[in-house]
Amino acid sequence: MTQGLLIAFEGLDQSGKQTQAELLRDRLIAAGRAVRLLSFPDYGTPIGEEIERALRGARNYAPDVMQLLYVANRYEWRTEIERRRSDGEVLICDRYLASSVAYGEAQGLDPAWLLEIQRHLPQPDLTFLLDIAPEVSAKRKTADRDRYERDLALLGRVRTSYLRMAKNSEWVHLSADRDRTLVAADVWAAVERRL
């Protein structure tokens, strides 16, 4: 049986996570692989709906409560991710475990705690950091920004956390200021070694 993979794309908003996840999905499908694209938070679940209300300002949760909601949203998918990966599928996540660490740490939460509460979730085989500066994120999306997207100082701390985590051997750190086709080529080269 073909080995399944769990691949995560991390980075600030507008870094190209969704674009690169979709390009990778299409390339894997063309190569004959079964692929499932996931995006977190998943606003289609009850917990995801609550997260969306909080991001739009209808709820006012403390940072630890928000991260618990994000983590619970991923736990809603745990069994499905485990099953699909064991069946040989490639699962590609637009945000996954590291986003809780990066955003939580940026708001003063303990990164060790944020990792601990996620240790029973399927761990990624490969994580890509699509790295851009907060100012680039702001320029790429000028309207309809949620409360995190509007806080450039927070995004700077998020980026610092991501850069620290990207030193892990299961991470690939890519500059996302480049043309998307160049980024996609680097993504494919890293994934191809795992297939």
N, C-alpha and C. Protein backbone atom coordinates (compact mmCIF):
# COMPACT_ATOMS: atom_id res chain seq x y z
N MET A 1 0.84 -1.20 0.00
CA MET A 1 0.00 0.00 0.00
C MET A 1 0.88 1.25 0.00
N THR A 2 0.43 2.26 -0.71
CA THR A 2 1.13 3.53 -0.74
C THR A 2 1.03 4.20 0.62
N GLN A 3 2.13 4.79 1.05
CA GLN A 3 2.16 5.46 2.34
C GLN A 3 1.36 6.75 2.30
N GLY A 4 0.52 6.96 3.31
CA GLY A 4 -0.19 8.22 3.44
C GLY A 4 0.72 9.28 4.04
N LEU A 5 0.37 10.52 3.82
CA LEU A 5 1.15 11.64 4.35
C LEU A 5 0.21 12.70 4.89
N LEU A 6 0.67 13.39 5.91
CA LEU A 6 -0.02 14.55 6.45
C LEU A 6 0.92 15.74 6.31
N ILE A 7 0.52 16.69 5.49
CA ILE A 7 1.35 17.85 5.16
C ILE A 7 0.61 19.10 5.61
N ALA A 8 1.32 19.98 6.30
CA ALA A 8 0.72 21.23 6.79
C ALA A 8 1.41 22.43 6.15
N PHE A 9 0.60 23.41 5.79
CA PHE A 9 1.10 24.70 5.34
C PHE A 9 0.81 25.72 6.44
N GLU A 10 1.84 26.39 6.92
CA GLU A 10 1.71 27.38 7.98
C GLU A 10 2.26 28.70 7.49
N GLY A 11 1.85 29.77 8.17
CA GLY A 11 2.34 31.11 7.85
C GLY A 11 1.26 32.13 8.12
N LEU A 12 1.64 33.37 7.99
CA LEU A 12 0.68 34.46 8.20
C LEU A 12 -0.40 34.41 7.13
N ASP A 13 -1.51 35.08 7.39
CA ASP A 13 -2.55 35.21 6.38
C ASP A 13 -1.97 35.87 5.15
N GLN A 14 -2.43 35.44 4.00
CA GLN A 14 -2.01 35.97 2.70
C GLN A 14 -0.59 35.55 2.31
N SER A 15 -0.06 34.53 2.98
CA SER A 15 1.28 34.04 2.62
C SER A 15 1.23 33.05 1.46
N GLY A 16 0.04 32.65 1.05
CA GLY A 16 -0.11 31.73 -0.08
C GLY A 16 -0.37 30.30 0.34
N LYS A 17 -0.78 30.09 1.58
CA LYS A 17 -1.02 28.72 2.07
C LYS A 17 -2.07 28.00 1.23
N GLN A 18 -3.21 28.63 1.02
CA GLN A 18 -4.28 27.98 0.26
C GLN A 18 -3.85 27.74 -1.19
N THR A 19 -3.21 28.72 -1.78
CA THR A 19 -2.74 28.58 -3.17
C THR A 19 -1.78 27.41 -3.29
N GLN A 20 -0.79 27.35 -2.40
CA GLN A 20 0.21 26.28 -2.48
C GLN A 20 -0.41 24.92 -2.15
N ALA A 21 -1.34 24.90 -1.20
CA ALA A 21 -2.02 23.64 -0.87
C ALA A 21 -2.79 23.13 -2.09
N GLU A 22 -3.48 24.02 -2.80
CA GLU A 22 -4.24 23.63 -3.98
C GLU A 22 -3.34 23.19 -5.12
N LEU A 23 -2.22 23.90 -5.32
CA LEU A 23 -1.28 23.51 -6.37
C LEU A 23 -0.68 22.14 -6.08
N LEU A 24 -0.33 21.90 -4.82
CA LEU A 24 0.21 20.60 -4.44
C LEU A 24 -0.84 19.50 -4.62
N ARG A 25 -2.07 19.78 -4.21
CA ARG A 25 -3.15 18.80 -4.40
C ARG A 25 -3.27 18.42 -5.86
N ASP A 26 -3.31 19.43 -6.73
CA ASP A 26 -3.48 19.16 -8.16
C ASP A 26 -2.32 18.33 -8.71
N ARG A 27 -1.12 18.64 -8.27
CA ARG A 27 0.05 17.90 -8.77
C ARG A 27 0.03 16.45 -8.27
N LEU A 28 -0.37 16.25 -7.02
CA LEU A 28 -0.45 14.89 -6.48
C LEU A 28 -1.54 14.07 -7.17
N ILE A 29 -2.67 14.70 -7.44
CA ILE A 29 -3.75 14.01 -8.16
C ILE A 29 -3.27 13.61 -9.55
N ALA A 30 -2.55 14.52 -10.21
CA ALA A 30 -2.01 14.20 -11.54
C ALA A 30 -1.02 13.05 -11.47
N ALA A 31 -0.36 12.89 -10.33
CA ALA A 31 0.59 11.79 -10.13
C ALA A 31 -0.11 10.50 -9.68
N GLY A 32 -1.45 10.55 -9.58
CA GLY A 32 -2.21 9.36 -9.25
C GLY A 32 -2.45 9.12 -7.77
N ARG A 33 -2.22 10.13 -6.94
CA ARG A 33 -2.41 9.96 -5.51
C ARG A 33 -3.80 10.42 -5.08
N ALA A 34 -4.35 9.76 -4.06
CA ALA A 34 -5.60 10.20 -3.43
C ALA A 34 -5.24 11.31 -2.46
N VAL A 35 -5.96 12.44 -2.55
CA VAL A 35 -5.61 13.63 -1.78
C VAL A 35 -6.87 14.22 -1.15
N ARG A 36 -6.73 14.72 0.07
CA ARG A 36 -7.81 15.46 0.72
C ARG A 36 -7.22 16.77 1.22
N LEU A 37 -7.84 17.87 0.85
CA LEU A 37 -7.43 19.20 1.29
C LEU A 37 -8.29 19.61 2.47
N LEU A 38 -7.64 20.00 3.58
CA LEU A 38 -8.34 20.47 4.77
C LEU A 38 -7.89 21.88 5.08
N SER A 39 -8.78 22.65 5.68
CA SER A 39 -8.45 24.00 6.09
C SER A 39 -8.92 24.21 7.52
N PHE A 40 -8.02 24.70 8.36
CA PHE A 40 -8.36 24.96 9.75
C PHE A 40 -8.21 26.45 10.06
N PRO A 41 -9.16 27.01 10.81
CA PRO A 41 -10.31 26.33 11.37
C PRO A 41 -11.32 25.92 10.29
N ASP A 42 -12.04 24.84 10.61
CA ASP A 42 -13.12 24.37 9.74
C ASP A 42 -14.41 25.02 10.26
N TYR A 43 -14.87 26.07 9.58
CA TYR A 43 -16.04 26.81 10.04
C TYR A 43 -17.34 26.04 9.84
N GLY A 44 -17.28 24.86 9.23
CA GLY A 44 -18.49 24.07 8.98
C GLY A 44 -18.90 23.18 10.14
N THR A 45 -18.14 23.17 11.21
CA THR A 45 -18.50 22.38 12.38
C THR A 45 -19.06 23.30 13.46
N PRO A 46 -19.74 22.75 14.48
CA PRO A 46 -20.24 23.61 15.57
C PRO A 46 -19.13 24.41 16.25
N ILE A 47 -18.01 23.78 16.51
CA ILE A 47 -16.89 24.51 17.13
C ILE A 47 -16.35 25.56 16.16
N GLY A 48 -16.26 25.19 14.89
CA GLY A 48 -15.80 26.15 13.89
C GLY A 48 -16.71 27.35 13.77
N GLU A 49 -18.00 27.14 13.87
CA GLU A 49 -18.95 28.27 13.83
C GLU A 49 -18.70 29.21 15.01
N GLU A 50 -18.40 28.65 16.17
CA GLU A 50 -18.12 29.49 17.34
C GLU A 50 -16.83 30.28 17.16
N ILE A 51 -15.83 29.65 16.56
CA ILE A 51 -14.58 30.35 16.27
C ILE A 51 -14.84 31.53 15.34
N GLU A 52 -15.63 31.29 14.31
CA GLU A 52 -15.92 32.36 13.35
C GLU A 52 -16.64 33.53 14.03
N ARG A 53 -17.58 33.22 14.92
CA ARG A 53 -18.26 34.31 15.65
C ARG A 53 -17.25 35.12 16.46
N ALA A 54 -16.31 34.44 17.09
CA ALA A 54 -15.31 35.14 17.90
C ALA A 54 -14.40 36.00 17.02
N LEU A 55 -14.00 35.48 15.87
CA LEU A 55 -13.11 36.24 14.99
C LEU A 55 -13.80 37.48 14.42
N ARG A 56 -15.11 37.41 14.27
CA ARG A 56 -15.86 38.55 13.73
C ARG A 56 -16.31 39.52 14.83
N GLY A 57 -15.99 39.21 16.10
CA GLY A 57 -16.27 40.14 17.19
C GLY A 57 -17.57 39.88 17.93
N ALA A 58 -18.29 38.81 17.60
CA ALA A 58 -19.56 38.52 18.27
C ALA A 58 -19.33 37.84 19.63
N ARG A 59 -18.13 37.34 19.85
CA ARG A 59 -17.74 36.73 21.13
C ARG A 59 -16.43 37.36 21.56
N ASN A 60 -16.18 37.36 22.86
CA ASN A 60 -14.93 37.92 23.36
C ASN A 60 -14.28 36.92 24.30
N TYR A 61 -13.53 35.97 23.72
CA TYR A 61 -12.87 34.94 24.50
C TYR A 61 -11.43 35.33 24.79
N ALA A 62 -10.92 34.90 25.92
CA ALA A 62 -9.51 35.08 26.25
C ALA A 62 -8.67 34.23 25.29
N PRO A 63 -7.38 34.58 25.13
CA PRO A 63 -6.53 33.82 24.20
C PRO A 63 -6.48 32.32 24.47
N ASP A 64 -6.47 31.91 25.74
CA ASP A 64 -6.41 30.47 26.01
C ASP A 64 -7.69 29.77 25.57
N VAL A 65 -8.83 30.42 25.75
CA VAL A 65 -10.09 29.82 25.31
C VAL A 65 -10.13 29.72 23.79
N MET A 66 -9.65 30.75 23.10
CA MET A 66 -9.62 30.70 21.64
C MET A 66 -8.75 29.54 21.16
N GLN A 67 -7.60 29.36 21.77
CA GLN A 67 -6.73 28.26 21.34
C GLN A 67 -7.34 26.91 21.66
N LEU A 68 -8.03 26.80 22.78
CA LEU A 68 -8.73 25.55 23.08
C LEU A 68 -9.80 25.26 22.03
N LEU A 69 -10.48 26.29 21.56
CA LEU A 69 -11.46 26.10 20.49
C LEU A 69 -10.79 25.65 19.19
N TYR A 70 -9.67 26.30 18.83
CA TYR A 70 -8.96 25.90 17.61
C TYR A 70 -8.51 24.44 17.70
N VAL A 71 -7.95 24.07 18.86
CA VAL A 71 -7.48 22.70 19.03
C VAL A 71 -8.65 21.72 18.98
N ALA A 72 -9.75 22.06 19.65
CA ALA A 72 -10.93 21.19 19.62
C ALA A 72 -11.46 21.02 18.20
N ASN A 73 -11.37 22.08 17.40
CA ASN A 73 -11.80 22.01 16.01
C ASN A 73 -10.97 20.99 15.24
N ARG A 74 -9.68 20.91 15.52
CA ARG A 74 -8.84 19.91 14.87
C ARG A 74 -9.14 18.51 15.40
N TYR A 75 -9.43 18.40 16.70
CA TYR A 75 -9.79 17.09 17.26
C TYR A 75 -11.07 16.55 16.62
N GLU A 76 -11.95 17.44 16.16
CA GLU A 76 -13.14 16.96 15.45
C GLU A 76 -12.76 16.14 14.21
N TRP A 77 -11.59 16.40 13.67
CA TRP A 77 -11.14 15.75 12.44
C TRP A 77 -10.18 14.59 12.70
N ARG A 78 -9.78 14.36 13.95
CA ARG A 78 -8.72 13.40 14.25
C ARG A 78 -8.97 12.02 13.64
N THR A 79 -10.11 11.43 13.91
CA THR A 79 -10.39 10.08 13.43
C THR A 79 -10.34 10.01 11.90
N GLU A 80 -10.92 11.01 11.25
CA GLU A 80 -10.93 11.05 9.79
C GLU A 80 -9.52 11.17 9.22
N ILE A 81 -8.70 12.01 9.82
CA ILE A 81 -7.31 12.18 9.37
C ILE A 81 -6.55 10.87 9.54
N GLU A 82 -6.68 10.24 10.71
CA GLU A 82 -5.98 8.98 10.96
C GLU A 82 -6.40 7.91 9.96
N ARG A 83 -7.70 7.81 9.71
CA ARG A 83 -8.19 6.78 8.79
C ARG A 83 -7.68 7.01 7.38
N ARG A 84 -7.80 8.24 6.91
CA ARG A 84 -7.39 8.53 5.54
C ARG A 84 -5.88 8.34 5.35
N ARG A 85 -5.10 8.78 6.33
CA ARG A 85 -3.65 8.61 6.20
C ARG A 85 -3.28 7.13 6.20
N SER A 86 -3.94 6.34 7.06
CA SER A 86 -3.64 4.90 7.09
C SER A 86 -4.10 4.21 5.81
N ASP A 87 -5.07 4.80 5.11
CA ASP A 87 -5.53 4.26 3.82
C ASP A 87 -4.65 4.70 2.65
N GLY A 88 -3.59 5.45 2.94
CA GLY A 88 -2.65 5.86 1.90
C GLY A 88 -2.91 7.21 1.27
N GLU A 89 -3.87 7.95 1.80
CA GLU A 89 -4.15 9.28 1.24
C GLU A 89 -3.12 10.30 1.69
N VAL A 90 -3.00 11.34 0.90
CA VAL A 90 -2.20 12.50 1.29
C VAL A 90 -3.18 13.56 1.77
N LEU A 91 -3.02 13.99 3.01
CA LEU A 91 -3.86 15.04 3.57
C LEU A 91 -3.04 16.31 3.63
N ILE A 92 -3.58 17.37 3.06
CA ILE A 92 -2.89 18.65 3.01
C ILE A 92 -3.71 19.65 3.81
N CYS A 93 -3.09 20.23 4.83
CA CYS A 93 -3.79 21.16 5.72
C CYS A 93 -3.33 22.60 5.51
N ASP A 94 -4.29 23.46 5.29
CA ASP A 94 -4.06 24.91 5.30
C ASP A 94 -4.23 25.31 6.76
N ARG A 95 -3.13 25.42 7.47
CA ARG A 95 -3.01 25.60 8.93
C ARG A 95 -3.26 24.28 9.63
N TYR A 96 -2.47 24.07 10.69
CA TYR A 96 -2.69 22.86 11.49
C TYR A 96 -2.15 23.14 12.90
N LEU A 97 -1.40 22.22 13.47
CA LEU A 97 -0.99 22.32 14.87
C LEU A 97 -0.20 23.57 15.20
N ALA A 98 0.73 23.92 14.34
CA ALA A 98 1.65 25.02 14.64
C ALA A 98 0.95 26.37 14.73
N SER A 99 -0.18 26.52 14.09
CA SER A 99 -0.85 27.82 14.15
C SER A 99 -1.31 28.15 15.57
N SER A 100 -1.74 27.12 16.32
CA SER A 100 -2.11 27.39 17.72
C SER A 100 -0.90 27.79 18.54
N VAL A 101 0.22 27.16 18.28
CA VAL A 101 1.44 27.51 19.01
C VAL A 101 1.85 28.94 18.66
N ALA A 102 1.89 29.26 17.37
CA ALA A 102 2.36 30.58 16.94
C ALA A 102 1.45 31.70 17.44
N TYR A 103 0.14 31.55 17.21
CA TYR A 103 -0.78 32.62 17.62
C TYR A 103 -0.93 32.66 19.14
N GLY A 104 -0.95 31.49 19.78
CA GLY A 104 -1.05 31.47 21.24
C GLY A 104 0.17 32.05 21.91
N GLU A 105 1.35 31.64 21.44
CA GLU A 105 2.59 32.18 22.01
C GLU A 105 2.66 33.69 21.80
N ALA A 106 2.21 34.17 20.66
CA ALA A 106 2.21 35.60 20.37
C ALA A 106 1.31 36.37 21.33
N GLN A 107 0.36 35.67 21.95
CA GLN A 107 -0.55 36.30 22.91
C GLN A 107 -0.18 35.95 24.35
N GLY A 108 1.02 35.44 24.55
CA GLY A 108 1.52 35.22 25.90
C GLY A 108 1.26 33.84 26.48
N LEU A 109 0.74 32.91 25.68
CA LEU A 109 0.49 31.56 26.18
C LEU A 109 1.76 30.72 26.10
N ASP A 110 1.82 29.70 26.93
CA ASP A 110 2.98 28.82 27.00
C ASP A 110 3.00 27.89 25.79
N PRO A 111 4.05 27.95 24.94
CA PRO A 111 4.08 27.08 23.76
C PRO A 111 4.13 25.60 24.13
N ALA A 112 4.75 25.26 25.26
CA ALA A 112 4.80 23.85 25.68
C ALA A 112 3.39 23.33 25.96
N TRP A 113 2.57 24.14 26.61
CA TRP A 113 1.18 23.76 26.87
C TRP A 113 0.41 23.59 25.55
N LEU A 114 0.64 24.51 24.63
CA LEU A 114 -0.06 24.45 23.35
C LEU A 114 0.32 23.19 22.55
N LEU A 115 1.56 22.77 22.67
CA LEU A 115 1.97 21.51 22.04
C LEU A 115 1.39 20.31 22.77
N GLU A 116 1.40 20.37 24.09
CA GLU A 116 0.91 19.25 24.90
C GLU A 116 -0.57 18.94 24.63
N ILE A 117 -1.40 19.97 24.52
CA ILE A 117 -2.83 19.71 24.32
C ILE A 117 -3.14 19.17 22.93
N GLN A 118 -2.13 19.19 22.06
CA GLN A 118 -2.30 18.67 20.70
C GLN A 118 -1.54 17.38 20.45
N ARG A 119 -0.93 16.80 21.47
CA ARG A 119 -0.06 15.65 21.26
C ARG A 119 -0.82 14.39 20.82
N HIS A 120 -2.14 14.34 21.05
CA HIS A 120 -2.92 13.19 20.62
C HIS A 120 -3.51 13.36 19.22
N LEU A 121 -3.24 14.49 18.60
CA LEU A 121 -3.65 14.70 17.21
C LEU A 121 -2.60 14.06 16.29
N PRO A 122 -2.99 13.64 15.10
CA PRO A 122 -1.99 13.14 14.14
C PRO A 122 -0.95 14.23 13.88
N GLN A 123 0.31 13.87 13.97
CA GLN A 123 1.39 14.83 13.77
C GLN A 123 1.76 14.89 12.29
N PRO A 124 2.08 16.07 11.80
CA PRO A 124 2.42 16.20 10.37
C PRO A 124 3.72 15.47 10.04
N ASP A 125 3.75 14.91 8.84
CA ASP A 125 4.98 14.34 8.31
C ASP A 125 5.90 15.42 7.79
N LEU A 126 5.30 16.53 7.36
CA LEU A 126 6.04 17.62 6.76
C LEU A 126 5.24 18.91 6.97
N THR A 127 5.93 19.96 7.39
CA THR A 127 5.28 21.26 7.58
C THR A 127 6.05 22.30 6.78
N PHE A 128 5.33 23.08 5.99
CA PHE A 128 5.92 24.18 5.24
C PHE A 128 5.60 25.49 5.94
N LEU A 129 6.62 26.31 6.17
CA LEU A 129 6.40 27.69 6.60
C LEU A 129 6.53 28.56 5.37
N LEU A 130 5.43 29.19 4.98
CA LEU A 130 5.44 30.17 3.89
C LEU A 130 5.62 31.53 4.55
N ASP A 131 6.82 32.02 4.51
CA ASP A 131 7.23 33.17 5.32
C ASP A 131 7.08 34.48 4.57
N ILE A 132 6.31 35.40 5.16
CA ILE A 132 6.21 36.78 4.69
C ILE A 132 6.20 37.69 5.91
N ALA A 133 6.53 38.94 5.70
CA ALA A 133 6.48 39.94 6.77
C ALA A 133 5.03 40.35 7.01
N PRO A 134 4.70 40.77 8.23
CA PRO A 134 3.33 41.23 8.51
C PRO A 134 2.86 42.33 7.57
N GLU A 135 3.77 43.22 7.18
CA GLU A 135 3.39 44.32 6.29
C GLU A 135 2.97 43.80 4.92
N VAL A 136 3.60 42.73 4.47
CA VAL A 136 3.23 42.12 3.19
C VAL A 136 1.83 41.51 3.31
N SER A 137 1.57 40.85 4.44
CA SER A 137 0.24 40.28 4.67
C SER A 137 -0.83 41.37 4.59
N ALA A 138 -0.57 42.51 5.23
CA ALA A 138 -1.54 43.61 5.25
C ALA A 138 -1.77 44.18 3.85
N LYS A 139 -0.71 44.26 3.05
CA LYS A 139 -0.85 44.80 1.69
C LYS A 139 -1.63 43.86 0.78
N ARG A 140 -1.51 42.55 1.04
CA ARG A 140 -2.19 41.57 0.18
C ARG A 140 -3.68 41.47 0.47
N LYS A 141 -4.08 41.87 1.66
CA LYS A 141 -5.51 41.84 2.00
C LYS A 141 -5.83 43.13 2.74
N THR A 142 -6.50 44.03 2.06
CA THR A 142 -6.74 45.35 2.64
C THR A 142 -8.14 45.50 3.24
N ALA A 143 -9.06 44.58 2.92
CA ALA A 143 -10.43 44.70 3.43
C ALA A 143 -10.84 43.41 4.12
N ASP A 144 -11.84 43.52 4.97
CA ASP A 144 -12.45 42.36 5.64
C ASP A 144 -11.43 41.55 6.43
N ARG A 145 -10.55 42.26 7.14
CA ARG A 145 -9.53 41.58 7.96
C ARG A 145 -10.11 41.32 9.35
N ASP A 146 -9.88 40.09 9.87
CA ASP A 146 -10.37 39.78 11.21
C ASP A 146 -9.47 40.41 12.26
N ARG A 147 -9.78 40.20 13.53
CA ARG A 147 -9.07 40.90 14.59
C ARG A 147 -7.59 40.56 14.65
N TYR A 148 -7.20 39.36 14.28
CA TYR A 148 -5.79 39.00 14.24
C TYR A 148 -5.09 39.66 13.06
N GLU A 149 -5.75 39.67 11.92
CA GLU A 149 -5.15 40.20 10.70
C GLU A 149 -4.88 41.70 10.78
N ARG A 150 -5.60 42.40 11.64
CA ARG A 150 -5.43 43.85 11.76
C ARG A 150 -4.31 44.25 12.71
N ASP A 151 -3.79 43.32 13.49
CA ASP A 151 -2.81 43.62 14.54
C ASP A 151 -1.41 43.26 14.05
N LEU A 152 -0.70 44.25 13.47
CA LEU A 152 0.62 43.97 12.89
C LEU A 152 1.65 43.60 13.94
N ALA A 153 1.55 44.16 15.13
CA ALA A 153 2.49 43.79 16.20
C ALA A 153 2.30 42.32 16.58
N LEU A 154 1.04 41.91 16.70
CA LEU A 154 0.75 40.50 16.99
C LEU A 154 1.31 39.61 15.88
N LEU A 155 1.08 40.00 14.63
CA LEU A 155 1.55 39.19 13.51
C LEU A 155 3.08 39.09 13.51
N GLY A 156 3.76 40.14 13.95
CA GLY A 156 5.22 40.07 14.06
C GLY A 156 5.65 39.02 15.07
N ARG A 157 4.94 38.93 16.20
CA ARG A 157 5.26 37.91 17.20
C ARG A 157 4.90 36.52 16.69
N VAL A 158 3.81 36.42 15.94
CA VAL A 158 3.42 35.14 15.33
C VAL A 158 4.54 34.67 14.40
N ARG A 159 5.02 35.57 13.58
CA ARG A 159 6.09 35.22 12.64
C ARG A 159 7.34 34.75 13.38
N THR A 160 7.69 35.43 14.46
CA THR A 160 8.86 35.04 15.26
C THR A 160 8.68 33.62 15.79
N SER A 161 7.49 33.28 16.26
CA SER A 161 7.22 31.93 16.75
C SER A 161 7.34 30.91 15.62
N TYR A 162 6.76 31.22 14.47
CA TYR A 162 6.87 30.31 13.32
C TYR A 162 8.33 30.08 12.94
N LEU A 163 9.13 31.16 12.92
CA LEU A 163 10.54 31.03 12.55
C LEU A 163 11.29 30.14 13.53
N ARG A 164 10.94 30.23 14.80
CA ARG A 164 11.57 29.36 15.80
C ARG A 164 11.20 27.91 15.54
N MET A 165 9.91 27.65 15.30
CA MET A 165 9.46 26.27 15.05
C MET A 165 10.04 25.70 13.75
N ALA A 166 10.26 26.56 12.77
CA ALA A 166 10.73 26.11 11.46
C ALA A 166 12.14 25.54 11.50
N LYS A 167 12.82 25.66 12.62
CA LYS A 167 14.15 25.06 12.76
C LYS A 167 14.06 23.54 12.94
N ASN A 168 12.85 23.02 13.17
CA ASN A 168 12.62 21.58 13.31
C ASN A 168 12.91 20.89 11.98
N SER A 169 13.43 19.68 12.06
CA SER A 169 13.83 18.96 10.84
C SER A 169 12.64 18.56 9.96
N GLU A 170 11.43 18.55 10.51
CA GLU A 170 10.25 18.19 9.72
C GLU A 170 9.61 19.42 9.06
N TRP A 171 10.30 20.54 9.11
CA TRP A 171 9.80 21.78 8.53
C TRP A 171 10.63 22.17 7.31
N VAL A 172 9.98 22.85 6.36
CA VAL A 172 10.66 23.46 5.23
C VAL A 172 10.28 24.94 5.25
N HIS A 173 11.28 25.80 5.39
CA HIS A 173 11.08 27.25 5.47
C HIS A 173 11.27 27.84 4.08
N LEU A 174 10.20 28.44 3.54
CA LEU A 174 10.25 29.02 2.19
C LEU A 174 9.85 30.48 2.23
N SER A 175 10.58 31.30 1.50
CA SER A 175 10.18 32.69 1.33
C SER A 175 8.98 32.74 0.40
N ALA A 176 7.88 33.32 0.90
CA ALA A 176 6.66 33.40 0.10
C ALA A 176 6.52 34.75 -0.60
N ASP A 177 7.60 35.53 -0.61
CA ASP A 177 7.61 36.79 -1.35
C ASP A 177 7.89 36.56 -2.84
N ARG A 178 8.21 35.33 -3.20
CA ARG A 178 8.57 35.01 -4.58
C ARG A 178 7.34 34.64 -5.40
N ASP A 179 7.55 34.50 -6.69
CA ASP A 179 6.49 34.06 -7.58
C ASP A 179 5.96 32.71 -7.12
N ARG A 180 4.65 32.51 -7.20
CA ARG A 180 4.03 31.29 -6.69
C ARG A 180 4.54 30.03 -7.38
N THR A 181 4.93 30.14 -8.64
CA THR A 181 5.43 28.94 -9.33
C THR A 181 6.79 28.51 -8.77
N LEU A 182 7.62 29.46 -8.35
CA LEU A 182 8.90 29.12 -7.74
C LEU A 182 8.68 28.47 -6.38
N VAL A 183 7.74 29.01 -5.60
CA VAL A 183 7.42 28.42 -4.30
C VAL A 183 6.88 27.01 -4.51
N ALA A 184 5.98 26.84 -5.48
CA ALA A 184 5.38 25.53 -5.76
C ALA A 184 6.45 24.51 -6.16
N ALA A 185 7.46 24.94 -6.90
CA ALA A 185 8.54 24.03 -7.30
C ALA A 185 9.30 23.55 -6.07
N ASP A 186 9.56 24.45 -5.13
CA ASP A 186 10.26 24.07 -3.90
C ASP A 186 9.39 23.14 -3.05
N VAL A 187 8.09 23.41 -3.00
CA VAL A 187 7.17 22.55 -2.26
C VAL A 187 7.20 21.14 -2.86
N TRP A 188 7.08 21.06 -4.18
CA TRP A 188 7.04 19.75 -4.84
C TRP A 188 8.34 18.98 -4.61
N ALA A 189 9.47 19.67 -4.67
CA ALA A 189 10.76 18.99 -4.46
C ALA A 189 10.83 18.36 -3.07
N ALA A 190 10.32 19.06 -2.06
CA ALA A 190 10.32 18.52 -0.69
C ALA A 190 9.35 17.37 -0.53
N VAL A 191 8.17 17.48 -1.15
CA VAL A 191 7.16 16.43 -1.02
C VAL A 191 7.58 15.18 -1.80
N GLU A 192 8.15 15.39 -2.97
CA GLU A 192 8.54 14.27 -3.83
C GLU A 192 9.50 13.32 -3.11
N ARG A 193 10.35 13.86 -2.26
CA ARG A 193 11.29 13.03 -1.50
C ARG A 193 10.58 12.14 -0.50
N ARG A 194 9.35 12.50 -0.13
CA ARG A 194 8.59 11.72 0.86
C ARG A 194 7.68 10.68 0.24
N LEU A 195 7.46 10.77 -1.06
CA LEU A 195 6.51 9.86 -1.73
C LEU A 195 7.10 8.48 -1.95
